[in-house]
Amino acid sequence: MASVDDVRNGVAQAKAKADEALGSLEQARASLDDAQNMLTQAIQGSGHDEILQARNMLAEAGQNLNLLKSSISNSIETADGWAGRL
């Protein structure tokens, strides 16, 4: 069985990796926002459903990234809290 210090170190390593993932998701979100803005500017005045759907899918992808970020943050907080009580 692992010692308390081993468990805390493992949680800290997992937290560091999760923080990396959050950083990557932040970058992905910024890129998606840029893409959505560029597409919005490019299609200004176009009423074609297909291209509007493409823009809406980018917005939905951004919302999904926000959900992922929230889930990761909640996981980190929970694990960190648990490790702190050991």
C-alpha atoms as a PDB file:
ATOM      1  CA  MET A   1       0.000   0.000   0.000  1.00  0.00           C
ATOM      2  CA  ALA A   2       1.267   3.483  -0.855  1.00  0.00           C
ATOM      3  CA  SER A   3       2.249   5.905   1.867  1.00  0.00           C
ATOM      4  CA  VAL A   4       0.348   9.142   2.427  1.00  0.00           C
ATOM      5  CA  ASP A   5       3.232  11.062   0.860  1.00  0.00           C
ATOM      6  CA  ASP A   6       3.154   8.782  -2.191  1.00  0.00           C
ATOM      7  CA  VAL A   7      -0.565   9.374  -2.589  1.00  0.00           C
ATOM      8  CA  ARG A   8      -0.158  13.141  -2.221  1.00  0.00           C
ATOM      9  CA  ASN A   9       2.666  13.122  -4.771  1.00  0.00           C
ATOM     10  CA  GLY A  10       0.553  11.117  -7.180  1.00  0.00           C
ATOM     11  CA  VAL A  11      -2.342  13.546  -6.790  1.00  0.00           C
ATOM     12  CA  ALA A  12       0.040  16.475  -7.317  1.00  0.00           C
ATOM     13  CA  GLN A  13       1.350  14.884 -10.523  1.00  0.00           C
ATOM     14  CA  ALA A  14      -2.180  14.262 -11.762  1.00  0.00           C
ATOM     15  CA  LYS A  15      -3.061  17.864 -10.938  1.00  0.00           C
ATOM     16  CA  ALA A  16      -0.072  19.108 -12.936  1.00  0.00           C
ATOM     17  CA  LYS A  17      -1.165  17.062 -15.965  1.00  0.00           C
ATOM     18  CA  ALA A  18      -4.742  18.261 -15.612  1.00  0.00           C
ATOM     19  CA  ASP A  19      -3.473  21.842 -15.448  1.00  0.00           C
ATOM     20  CA  GLU A  20      -1.607  21.211 -18.721  1.00  0.00           C
ATOM     21  CA  ALA A  21      -4.833  19.956 -20.247  1.00  0.00           C
ATOM     22  CA  LEU A  22      -6.636  23.089 -19.078  1.00  0.00           C
ATOM     23  CA  GLY A  23      -3.985  25.226 -20.747  1.00  0.00           C
ATOM     24  CA  SER A  24      -4.401  23.308 -23.991  1.00  0.00           C
ATOM     25  CA  LEU A  25      -8.173  23.687 -23.816  1.00  0.00           C
ATOM     26  CA  GLU A  26      -7.763  27.441 -23.249  1.00  0.00           C
ATOM     27  CA  GLN A  27      -5.664  27.632 -26.413  1.00  0.00           C
ATOM     28  CA  ALA A  28      -8.184  25.536 -28.311  1.00  0.00           C
ATOM     29  CA  ARG A  29     -11.019  27.772 -27.127  1.00  0.00           C
ATOM     30  CA  ALA A  30      -9.163  30.905 -28.252  1.00  0.00           C
ATOM     31  CA  SER A  31      -8.544  29.334 -31.663  1.00  0.00           C
ATOM     32  CA  LEU A  32     -12.194  28.330 -31.965  1.00  0.00           C
ATOM     33  CA  ASP A  33     -13.272  31.861 -31.066  1.00  0.00           C
ATOM     34  CA  ASP A  34     -10.938  33.236 -33.746  1.00  0.00           C
ATOM     35  CA  ALA A  35     -12.280  30.774 -36.302  1.00  0.00           C
ATOM     36  CA  GLN A  36     -15.869  31.615 -35.423  1.00  0.00           C
ATOM     37  CA  ASN A  37     -15.193  35.353 -35.699  1.00  0.00           C
ATOM     38  CA  MET A  38     -13.421  34.911 -39.040  1.00  0.00           C
ATOM     39  CA  LEU A  39     -16.256  32.799 -40.369  1.00  0.00           C
ATOM     40  CA  THR A  40     -18.830  35.291 -39.119  1.00  0.00           C
ATOM     41  CA  GLN A  41     -17.041  38.100 -40.943  1.00  0.00           C
ATOM     42  CA  ALA A  42     -16.632  36.009 -44.097  1.00  0.00           C
ATOM     43  CA  ILE A  43     -20.315  35.088 -44.325  1.00  0.00           C
ATOM     44  CA  GLN A  44     -21.734  38.455 -43.330  1.00  0.00           C
ATOM     45  CA  GLY A  45     -24.935  38.960 -45.264  1.00  0.00           C
ATOM     46  CA  SER A  46     -25.162  35.329 -46.333  1.00  0.00           C
ATOM     47  CA  GLY A  47     -28.344  33.605 -45.325  1.00  0.00           C
ATOM     48  CA  HIS A  48     -27.370  30.110 -46.399  1.00  0.00           C
ATOM     49  CA  ASP A  49     -28.376  27.582 -43.775  1.00  0.00           C
ATOM     50  CA  GLU A  50     -25.361  25.347 -44.381  1.00  0.00           C
ATOM     51  CA  ILE A  51     -22.761  28.008 -43.579  1.00  0.00           C
ATOM     52  CA  LEU A  52     -24.787  29.312 -40.641  1.00  0.00           C
ATOM     53  CA  GLN A  53     -24.885  25.774 -39.330  1.00  0.00           C
ATOM     54  CA  ALA A  54     -21.090  25.562 -39.645  1.00  0.00           C
ATOM     55  CA  ARG A  55     -20.712  28.739 -37.593  1.00  0.00           C
ATOM     56  CA  ASN A  56     -23.151  27.422 -34.979  1.00  0.00           C
ATOM     57  CA  MET A  57     -21.209  24.169 -34.739  1.00  0.00           C
ATOM     58  CA  LEU A  58     -18.065  26.159 -33.907  1.00  0.00           C
ATOM     59  CA  ALA A  59     -19.986  27.954 -31.168  1.00  0.00           C
ATOM     60  CA  GLU A  60     -21.241  24.616 -29.824  1.00  0.00           C
ATOM     61  CA  ALA A  61     -17.712  23.201 -29.852  1.00  0.00           C
ATOM     62  CA  GLY A  62     -16.604  26.185 -27.764  1.00  0.00           C
ATOM     63  CA  GLN A  63     -19.381  25.538 -25.271  1.00  0.00           C
ATOM     64  CA  ASN A  64     -18.341  21.890 -25.065  1.00  0.00           C
ATOM     65  CA  LEU A  65     -14.772  22.970 -24.353  1.00  0.00           C
ATOM     66  CA  ASN A  66     -16.078  25.116 -21.508  1.00  0.00           C
ATOM     67  CA  LEU A  67     -17.841  22.072 -20.072  1.00  0.00           C
ATOM     68  CA  LEU A  68     -14.650  20.046 -20.320  1.00  0.00           C
ATOM     69  CA  LYS A  69     -12.675  22.777 -18.583  1.00  0.00           C
ATOM     70  CA  SER A  70     -15.244  22.891 -15.796  1.00  0.00           C
ATOM     71  CA  SER A  71     -15.152  19.111 -15.344  1.00  0.00           C
ATOM     72  CA  ILE A  72     -11.363  19.099 -15.193  1.00  0.00           C
ATOM     73  CA  SER A  73     -11.288  21.997 -12.731  1.00  0.00           C
ATOM     74  CA  ASN A  74     -13.852  20.292 -10.496  1.00  0.00           C
ATOM     75  CA  SER A  75     -11.868  17.071 -10.591  1.00  0.00           C
ATOM     76  CA  ILE A  76      -8.663  18.877  -9.643  1.00  0.00           C
ATOM     77  CA  GLU A  77     -10.371  20.641  -6.735  1.00  0.00           C
ATOM     78  CA  THR A  78     -11.915  17.412  -5.470  1.00  0.00           C
ATOM     79  CA  ALA A  79      -8.675  15.430  -5.680  1.00  0.00           C
ATOM     80  CA  ASP A  80      -6.678  18.260  -4.135  1.00  0.00           C
ATOM     81  CA  GLY A  81      -9.150  18.589  -1.276  1.00  0.00           C
ATOM     82  CA  TRP A  82      -9.095  14.874  -0.625  1.00  0.00           C
ATOM     83  CA  ALA A  83      -5.283  14.750  -0.648  1.00  0.00           C
ATOM     84  CA  GLY A  84      -5.184  17.696   1.734  1.00  0.00           C
ATOM     85  CA  ARG A  85      -7.277  15.798   4.266  1.00  0.00           C
ATOM     86  CA  LEU A  86      -4.967  12.778   4.292  1.00  0.00           C
END
